[in-house]
Structure formats: C-alpha cells, structure tokens
Amino acid sequence: MNAEQKTIILNGLVIIASILIVLSGAIIPQTAIDIFVQFVGLLLILWAAITIKMHKPKHALPKGYFFLDKGPYEIIRHPIYAGYLLIMISFVEIEFTFLRFITFILLYGVIQLKIINEENIIKRKLQQYADYMQKTKALIPYLL
C-alpha cells in the first residue's frame, strides 16, 4: 500500500470515529472547563491556519504536505491535530460513555498513524525535518 492510499484510509477512519463521537452524545459544553478546552483547541487550530497562510511553505514536498517552524509549529509539530484532539476529548468528557471513550482512543491511535505516515514522507524529502523533530514534540509541548 502506498502513502497516498494509507492517507485516504486513515482520513476515512478519522472521519468515522469523529462522526461516531459527535453523534453518540452531547457536544455542547456545560462547564467552564469544557468551554476552556474547546476554546484552546479551536484557538490552536486557528493559530496554525493563520500561520500557514502567512508563511507559505516553500519546500518541494508532495501535494498536501508542508513544513513550517513558525507560530505554533515552533512548539509542536502538529498543532491542528492537537487542537482537534482537544475538542474531541472535551466532547467525550461532556457526556462520558464507554463507547465514546473507546472511539476517542481509536481516533487518537489513527491520528498517531497519520502523523507517522506524514512525517516519514516529509523526512524523505527534507533532511532538516529530522532536526526539527528533535527540537519539538508532536502533540503536547515538552511531553508527547
């Protein structure tokens, strides 16, 4: 299976898991912590999107891949995934069920596989990406 096929399958699994979490219970925040977690997740995604627009990646990578080390990318390699996972975990917390929890664990695992797949593609094309990986964590600053 080539990298493009892996990407399609993994994206499909992310969509299925996300739909299952959203449709299996409440998603409207009821507590200050839920609002805060969703807000931080959304802010992280927006910050990453604005950074991408402001600092257009100039490296020759396959379509759909890019390398930036500005904005949130100075701290973590995958701020959009991190923000998305924050929002999804808040949905699980809002109305906790075993199904939602297991689905979130699967979602997290699929996103980890996506990260590995994407990073392998970028590492093959850009020597400096390996150095960048040494300086930053994938999802949680200084931890993970």
N, C-alpha and C. Protein backbone atom coordinates (compact mmCIF):
# COMPACT_ATOMS: atom_id res chain seq x y z
N MET A 1 0.85 -1.18 0.00
CA MET A 1 0.00 0.00 0.00
C MET A 1 0.90 1.24 0.00
N ASN A 2 0.62 2.17 -0.91
CA ASN A 2 1.45 3.37 -0.98
C ASN A 2 0.96 4.43 0.01
N ALA A 3 1.75 5.49 0.15
CA ALA A 3 1.46 6.53 1.14
C ALA A 3 0.12 7.21 0.88
N GLU A 4 -0.22 7.42 -0.39
CA GLU A 4 -1.50 8.08 -0.71
C GLU A 4 -2.69 7.20 -0.30
N GLN A 5 -2.60 5.92 -0.53
CA GLN A 5 -3.67 5.01 -0.11
C GLN A 5 -3.79 4.97 1.40
N LYS A 6 -2.65 4.95 2.11
CA LYS A 6 -2.68 4.98 3.57
C LYS A 6 -3.38 6.25 4.06
N THR A 7 -3.04 7.38 3.43
CA THR A 7 -3.64 8.65 3.82
C THR A 7 -5.15 8.62 3.65
N ILE A 8 -5.63 8.08 2.55
CA ILE A 8 -7.07 8.02 2.29
C ILE A 8 -7.76 7.14 3.34
N ILE A 9 -7.19 6.00 3.64
CA ILE A 9 -7.78 5.09 4.63
C ILE A 9 -7.77 5.73 6.02
N LEU A 10 -6.65 6.31 6.40
CA LEU A 10 -6.56 6.93 7.72
C LEU A 10 -7.52 8.12 7.84
N ASN A 11 -7.63 8.93 6.78
CA ASN A 11 -8.58 10.04 6.82
C ASN A 11 -10.01 9.53 6.97
N GLY A 12 -10.34 8.45 6.29
CA GLY A 12 -11.67 7.86 6.42
C GLY A 12 -11.94 7.39 7.84
N LEU A 13 -10.95 6.77 8.47
CA LEU A 13 -11.11 6.32 9.85
C LEU A 13 -11.28 7.49 10.82
N VAL A 14 -10.54 8.58 10.58
CA VAL A 14 -10.71 9.78 11.42
C VAL A 14 -12.13 10.31 11.29
N ILE A 15 -12.62 10.37 10.08
CA ILE A 15 -13.99 10.88 9.85
C ILE A 15 -15.02 9.99 10.54
N ILE A 16 -14.89 8.69 10.38
CA ILE A 16 -15.85 7.76 11.00
C ILE A 16 -15.83 7.88 12.52
N ALA A 17 -14.63 7.89 13.12
CA ALA A 17 -14.53 8.00 14.58
C ALA A 17 -15.10 9.33 15.06
N SER A 18 -14.81 10.40 14.34
CA SER A 18 -15.31 11.72 14.73
C SER A 18 -16.83 11.78 14.67
N ILE A 19 -17.40 11.24 13.61
CA ILE A 19 -18.86 11.23 13.48
C ILE A 19 -19.47 10.41 14.61
N LEU A 20 -18.87 9.28 14.92
CA LEU A 20 -19.39 8.44 16.00
C LEU A 20 -19.38 9.18 17.33
N ILE A 21 -18.30 9.89 17.62
CA ILE A 21 -18.22 10.65 18.87
C ILE A 21 -19.28 11.75 18.89
N VAL A 22 -19.39 12.48 17.80
CA VAL A 22 -20.33 13.62 17.75
C VAL A 22 -21.78 13.15 17.83
N LEU A 23 -22.10 12.07 17.17
CA LEU A 23 -23.49 11.62 17.13
C LEU A 23 -23.91 10.76 18.32
N SER A 24 -22.95 10.35 19.15
CA SER A 24 -23.29 9.44 20.25
C SER A 24 -23.57 10.15 21.57
N GLY A 25 -23.65 11.46 21.57
CA GLY A 25 -23.94 12.16 22.81
C GLY A 25 -23.85 13.66 22.64
N ALA A 26 -23.99 14.35 23.76
CA ALA A 26 -23.97 15.81 23.76
C ALA A 26 -22.58 16.34 23.41
N ILE A 27 -22.56 17.51 22.77
CA ILE A 27 -21.29 18.15 22.43
C ILE A 27 -21.25 19.61 22.88
N ILE A 28 -22.35 20.11 23.42
CA ILE A 28 -22.41 21.49 23.88
C ILE A 28 -21.79 21.57 25.28
N PRO A 29 -20.78 22.41 25.45
CA PRO A 29 -20.12 22.48 26.77
C PRO A 29 -21.07 22.97 27.86
N GLN A 30 -20.97 22.34 29.03
CA GLN A 30 -21.82 22.69 30.17
C GLN A 30 -21.03 23.31 31.31
N THR A 31 -19.73 23.11 31.30
CA THR A 31 -18.89 23.62 32.39
C THR A 31 -17.82 24.54 31.84
N ALA A 32 -17.23 25.31 32.72
CA ALA A 32 -16.16 26.24 32.32
C ALA A 32 -14.96 25.48 31.74
N ILE A 33 -14.65 24.31 32.30
CA ILE A 33 -13.51 23.56 31.80
C ILE A 33 -13.76 23.06 30.38
N ASP A 34 -14.99 22.63 30.09
CA ASP A 34 -15.32 22.19 28.73
C ASP A 34 -15.20 23.35 27.75
N ILE A 35 -15.71 24.50 28.13
CA ILE A 35 -15.60 25.69 27.27
C ILE A 35 -14.13 26.04 27.05
N PHE A 36 -13.35 26.00 28.11
CA PHE A 36 -11.93 26.33 28.02
C PHE A 36 -11.20 25.36 27.09
N VAL A 37 -11.42 24.06 27.26
CA VAL A 37 -10.72 23.07 26.44
C VAL A 37 -11.10 23.23 24.97
N GLN A 38 -12.39 23.42 24.68
CA GLN A 38 -12.81 23.61 23.30
C GLN A 38 -12.23 24.90 22.73
N PHE A 39 -12.21 25.96 23.53
CA PHE A 39 -11.67 27.24 23.09
C PHE A 39 -10.17 27.12 22.77
N VAL A 40 -9.43 26.47 23.64
CA VAL A 40 -7.99 26.29 23.41
C VAL A 40 -7.76 25.46 22.15
N GLY A 41 -8.55 24.40 21.98
CA GLY A 41 -8.43 23.58 20.77
C GLY A 41 -8.70 24.39 19.51
N LEU A 42 -9.78 25.17 19.53
CA LEU A 42 -10.12 26.00 18.38
C LEU A 42 -9.06 27.07 18.13
N LEU A 43 -8.57 27.68 19.19
CA LEU A 43 -7.53 28.71 19.06
C LEU A 43 -6.26 28.13 18.45
N LEU A 44 -5.89 26.93 18.86
CA LEU A 44 -4.69 26.28 18.33
C LEU A 44 -4.85 26.01 16.83
N ILE A 45 -6.02 25.53 16.44
CA ILE A 45 -6.28 25.27 15.02
C ILE A 45 -6.23 26.57 14.22
N LEU A 46 -6.87 27.62 14.72
CA LEU A 46 -6.87 28.90 14.02
C LEU A 46 -5.47 29.50 13.92
N TRP A 47 -4.71 29.43 15.01
CA TRP A 47 -3.34 29.93 15.00
C TRP A 47 -2.51 29.21 13.94
N ALA A 48 -2.67 27.90 13.86
CA ALA A 48 -1.93 27.12 12.86
C ALA A 48 -2.36 27.51 11.45
N ALA A 49 -3.66 27.66 11.23
CA ALA A 49 -4.16 28.02 9.90
C ALA A 49 -3.66 29.40 9.47
N ILE A 50 -3.67 30.35 10.40
CA ILE A 50 -3.18 31.70 10.09
C ILE A 50 -1.68 31.66 9.79
N THR A 51 -0.94 30.86 10.55
CA THR A 51 0.49 30.72 10.31
C THR A 51 0.77 30.14 8.94
N ILE A 52 0.00 29.15 8.54
CA ILE A 52 0.16 28.55 7.21
C ILE A 52 -0.07 29.60 6.13
N LYS A 53 -1.12 30.41 6.30
CA LYS A 53 -1.42 31.46 5.31
C LYS A 53 -0.34 32.53 5.27
N MET A 54 0.18 32.91 6.43
CA MET A 54 1.17 33.98 6.50
C MET A 54 2.56 33.54 6.04
N HIS A 55 2.91 32.30 6.30
CA HIS A 55 4.24 31.79 5.98
C HIS A 55 4.09 30.62 5.02
N LYS A 56 3.77 30.93 3.80
CA LYS A 56 3.54 29.87 2.82
C LYS A 56 4.78 28.98 2.73
N PRO A 57 4.58 27.68 2.93
CA PRO A 57 5.72 26.75 2.86
C PRO A 57 6.38 26.79 1.49
N LYS A 58 7.70 26.82 1.47
CA LYS A 58 8.45 26.95 0.22
C LYS A 58 9.19 25.68 -0.17
N HIS A 59 9.06 24.64 0.60
CA HIS A 59 9.80 23.41 0.33
C HIS A 59 9.08 22.57 -0.72
N ALA A 60 9.85 21.86 -1.51
CA ALA A 60 9.29 21.00 -2.54
C ALA A 60 8.86 19.67 -1.92
N LEU A 61 7.61 19.62 -1.51
CA LEU A 61 7.05 18.41 -0.91
C LEU A 61 5.86 17.96 -1.73
N PRO A 62 5.47 16.70 -1.61
CA PRO A 62 4.28 16.24 -2.33
C PRO A 62 3.06 17.08 -1.95
N LYS A 63 2.11 17.15 -2.86
CA LYS A 63 0.89 17.92 -2.63
C LYS A 63 0.22 17.47 -1.33
N GLY A 64 -0.19 18.44 -0.52
CA GLY A 64 -0.86 18.15 0.73
C GLY A 64 0.08 18.10 1.93
N TYR A 65 1.38 18.23 1.70
CA TYR A 65 2.36 18.19 2.78
C TYR A 65 3.12 19.51 2.82
N PHE A 66 3.51 19.91 4.02
CA PHE A 66 4.27 21.14 4.16
C PHE A 66 5.13 21.06 5.41
N PHE A 67 6.10 21.97 5.46
CA PHE A 67 6.95 22.07 6.64
C PHE A 67 7.06 23.53 7.04
N LEU A 68 6.67 23.84 8.27
CA LEU A 68 6.80 25.17 8.86
C LEU A 68 7.40 25.04 10.25
N ASP A 69 8.15 26.04 10.64
CA ASP A 69 8.65 26.07 12.02
C ASP A 69 8.40 27.44 12.64
N LYS A 70 7.30 28.04 12.27
CA LYS A 70 6.88 29.34 12.79
C LYS A 70 5.57 29.17 13.56
N GLY A 71 5.22 30.19 14.35
CA GLY A 71 3.94 30.15 15.08
C GLY A 71 3.88 28.94 16.00
N PRO A 72 2.74 28.25 16.01
CA PRO A 72 2.61 27.09 16.90
C PRO A 72 3.55 25.94 16.50
N TYR A 73 4.01 25.96 15.25
CA TYR A 73 4.92 24.92 14.78
C TYR A 73 6.30 25.03 15.41
N GLU A 74 6.58 26.14 16.07
CA GLU A 74 7.83 26.26 16.83
C GLU A 74 7.77 25.41 18.10
N ILE A 75 6.56 25.15 18.58
CA ILE A 75 6.36 24.46 19.85
C ILE A 75 5.99 22.99 19.64
N ILE A 76 5.06 22.74 18.72
CA ILE A 76 4.65 21.37 18.41
C ILE A 76 4.57 21.18 16.90
N ARG A 77 4.79 19.96 16.45
CA ARG A 77 4.82 19.69 15.02
C ARG A 77 3.43 19.61 14.39
N HIS A 78 2.42 19.28 15.18
CA HIS A 78 1.08 19.05 14.62
C HIS A 78 0.01 19.78 15.43
N PRO A 79 0.01 21.11 15.41
CA PRO A 79 -0.96 21.85 16.22
C PRO A 79 -2.41 21.65 15.79
N ILE A 80 -2.65 21.41 14.53
CA ILE A 80 -4.03 21.20 14.09
C ILE A 80 -4.57 19.90 14.67
N TYR A 81 -3.78 18.84 14.61
CA TYR A 81 -4.21 17.58 15.22
C TYR A 81 -4.38 17.74 16.73
N ALA A 82 -3.47 18.46 17.36
CA ALA A 82 -3.56 18.67 18.81
C ALA A 82 -4.84 19.41 19.17
N GLY A 83 -5.15 20.47 18.44
CA GLY A 83 -6.39 21.22 18.69
C GLY A 83 -7.62 20.37 18.46
N TYR A 84 -7.59 19.58 17.40
CA TYR A 84 -8.71 18.71 17.08
C TYR A 84 -8.93 17.68 18.20
N LEU A 85 -7.85 17.09 18.67
CA LEU A 85 -7.97 16.11 19.75
C LEU A 85 -8.48 16.75 21.04
N LEU A 86 -8.09 17.99 21.31
CA LEU A 86 -8.63 18.69 22.49
C LEU A 86 -10.15 18.85 22.38
N ILE A 87 -10.60 19.25 21.22
CA ILE A 87 -12.05 19.42 21.02
C ILE A 87 -12.77 18.09 21.16
N MET A 88 -12.22 17.05 20.57
CA MET A 88 -12.88 15.74 20.63
C MET A 88 -12.88 15.16 22.05
N ILE A 89 -11.80 15.34 22.80
CA ILE A 89 -11.79 14.82 24.17
C ILE A 89 -12.78 15.59 25.04
N SER A 90 -13.00 16.86 24.73
CA SER A 90 -14.00 17.61 25.50
C SER A 90 -15.40 17.07 25.21
N PHE A 91 -15.65 16.65 23.98
CA PHE A 91 -16.95 16.03 23.66
C PHE A 91 -17.15 14.76 24.46
N VAL A 92 -16.10 13.97 24.57
CA VAL A 92 -16.17 12.73 25.35
C VAL A 92 -16.46 13.05 26.81
N GLU A 93 -15.80 14.06 27.34
CA GLU A 93 -15.98 14.43 28.74
C GLU A 93 -17.37 15.00 29.02
N ILE A 94 -17.94 15.71 28.06
CA ILE A 94 -19.26 16.32 28.25
C ILE A 94 -20.31 15.26 28.58
N GLU A 95 -20.29 14.18 27.81
CA GLU A 95 -21.21 13.06 28.08
C GLU A 95 -20.41 11.78 27.94
N PHE A 96 -19.77 11.40 29.03
CA PHE A 96 -18.87 10.26 29.02
C PHE A 96 -19.63 8.95 28.90
N THR A 97 -19.26 8.17 27.89
CA THR A 97 -19.73 6.79 27.76
C THR A 97 -18.52 5.94 27.37
N PHE A 98 -18.63 4.65 27.62
CA PHE A 98 -17.55 3.74 27.25
C PHE A 98 -17.33 3.77 25.74
N LEU A 99 -18.41 3.80 24.96
CA LEU A 99 -18.30 3.84 23.50
C LEU A 99 -17.52 5.09 23.05
N ARG A 100 -17.86 6.24 23.60
CA ARG A 100 -17.17 7.47 23.24
C ARG A 100 -15.69 7.41 23.63
N PHE A 101 -15.41 6.87 24.80
CA PHE A 101 -14.04 6.78 25.27
C PHE A 101 -13.20 5.88 24.36
N ILE A 102 -13.72 4.71 24.06
CA ILE A 102 -13.01 3.76 23.18
C ILE A 102 -12.84 4.37 21.79
N THR A 103 -13.85 5.04 21.30
CA THR A 103 -13.77 5.67 19.98
C THR A 103 -12.70 6.76 19.99
N PHE A 104 -12.62 7.53 21.07
CA PHE A 104 -11.58 8.55 21.16
C PHE A 104 -10.20 7.91 21.17
N ILE A 105 -10.03 6.82 21.91
CA ILE A 105 -8.73 6.12 21.93
C ILE A 105 -8.37 5.66 20.52
N LEU A 106 -9.34 5.13 19.80
CA LEU A 106 -9.10 4.71 18.40
C LEU A 106 -8.76 5.92 17.52
N LEU A 107 -9.49 7.02 17.72
CA LEU A 107 -9.22 8.25 16.97
C LEU A 107 -7.79 8.72 17.22
N TYR A 108 -7.39 8.73 18.48
CA TYR A 108 -6.03 9.13 18.83
C TYR A 108 -5.00 8.22 18.13
N GLY A 109 -5.26 6.92 18.16
CA GLY A 109 -4.36 5.97 17.52
C GLY A 109 -4.24 6.20 16.02
N VAL A 110 -5.37 6.47 15.37
CA VAL A 110 -5.35 6.73 13.93
C VAL A 110 -4.59 8.03 13.63
N ILE A 111 -4.80 9.05 14.45
CA ILE A 111 -4.07 10.30 14.24
C ILE A 111 -2.57 10.08 14.44
N GLN A 112 -2.19 9.24 15.39
CA GLN A 112 -0.77 8.91 15.57
C GLN A 112 -0.23 8.23 14.31
N LEU A 113 -1.01 7.32 13.72
CA LEU A 113 -0.58 6.67 12.48
C LEU A 113 -0.46 7.69 11.35
N LYS A 114 -1.40 8.64 11.28
CA LYS A 114 -1.32 9.71 10.27
C LYS A 114 -0.03 10.52 10.45
N ILE A 115 0.29 10.84 11.70
CA ILE A 115 1.49 11.61 11.98
C ILE A 115 2.73 10.85 11.52
N ILE A 116 2.81 9.58 11.85
CA ILE A 116 3.96 8.75 11.44
C ILE A 116 4.07 8.72 9.92
N ASN A 117 2.93 8.49 9.24
CA ASN A 117 2.91 8.44 7.79
C ASN A 117 3.38 9.76 7.18
N GLU A 118 2.83 10.87 7.66
CA GLU A 118 3.19 12.19 7.13
C GLU A 118 4.65 12.52 7.40
N GLU A 119 5.12 12.24 8.61
CA GLU A 119 6.49 12.56 8.95
C GLU A 119 7.49 11.73 8.15
N ASN A 120 7.15 10.48 7.87
CA ASN A 120 8.04 9.66 7.05
C ASN A 120 8.17 10.24 5.65
N ILE A 121 7.07 10.72 5.09
CA ILE A 121 7.09 11.32 3.76
C ILE A 121 7.95 12.59 3.77
N ILE A 122 7.75 13.43 4.76
CA ILE A 122 8.50 14.69 4.83
C ILE A 122 9.98 14.44 5.10
N LYS A 123 10.30 13.49 5.98
CA LYS A 123 11.70 13.18 6.29
C LYS A 123 12.46 12.72 5.04
N ARG A 124 11.78 11.98 4.17
CA ARG A 124 12.43 11.50 2.95
C ARG A 124 12.78 12.65 2.01
N LYS A 125 12.01 13.72 2.06
CA LYS A 125 12.21 14.85 1.15
C LYS A 125 13.06 15.97 1.75
N LEU A 126 13.02 16.14 3.06
CA LEU A 126 13.73 17.25 3.71
C LEU A 126 14.63 16.75 4.82
N GLN A 127 15.92 16.90 4.65
CA GLN A 127 16.87 16.49 5.66
C GLN A 127 16.67 17.25 6.97
N GLN A 128 16.32 18.54 6.90
CA GLN A 128 16.18 19.37 8.09
C GLN A 128 14.98 18.98 8.96
N TYR A 129 14.07 18.18 8.42
CA TYR A 129 12.90 17.79 9.22
C TYR A 129 13.30 16.91 10.40
N ALA A 130 14.29 16.07 10.23
CA ALA A 130 14.77 15.23 11.33
C ALA A 130 15.30 16.08 12.49
N ASP A 131 15.99 17.17 12.16
CA ASP A 131 16.47 18.09 13.20
C ASP A 131 15.29 18.76 13.90
N TYR A 132 14.32 19.17 13.13
CA TYR A 132 13.11 19.80 13.67
C TYR A 132 12.39 18.83 14.62
N MET A 133 12.33 17.56 14.26
CA MET A 133 11.69 16.55 15.11
C MET A 133 12.41 16.41 16.45
N GLN A 134 13.72 16.60 16.45
CA GLN A 134 14.49 16.51 17.69
C GLN A 134 14.18 17.67 18.63
N LYS A 135 13.82 18.82 18.07
CA LYS A 135 13.59 20.04 18.85
C LYS A 135 12.15 20.17 19.36
N THR A 136 11.21 19.50 18.72
CA THR A 136 9.79 19.67 19.05
C THR A 136 9.12 18.33 19.32
N LYS A 137 8.02 18.39 20.04
CA LYS A 137 7.19 17.21 20.27
C LYS A 137 6.04 17.24 19.25
N ALA A 138 5.43 16.10 19.04
CA ALA A 138 4.38 16.00 18.02
C ALA A 138 3.09 16.71 18.41
N LEU A 139 2.60 16.47 19.63
CA LEU A 139 1.27 16.97 20.00
C LEU A 139 1.21 17.81 21.28
N ILE A 140 2.00 17.45 22.27
CA ILE A 140 1.96 18.15 23.55
C ILE A 140 3.35 18.71 23.83
N PRO A 141 3.49 20.04 23.94
CA PRO A 141 4.82 20.61 24.16
C PRO A 141 5.55 19.95 25.33
N TYR A 142 6.79 19.62 25.09
CA TYR A 142 7.71 19.05 26.09
C TYR A 142 7.34 17.65 26.57
N LEU A 143 6.25 17.06 26.09
CA LEU A 143 5.85 15.74 26.55
C LEU A 143 5.72 14.70 25.45
N LEU A 144 4.85 14.95 24.51
CA LEU A 144 4.46 13.91 23.54
C LEU A 144 4.50 14.45 22.13
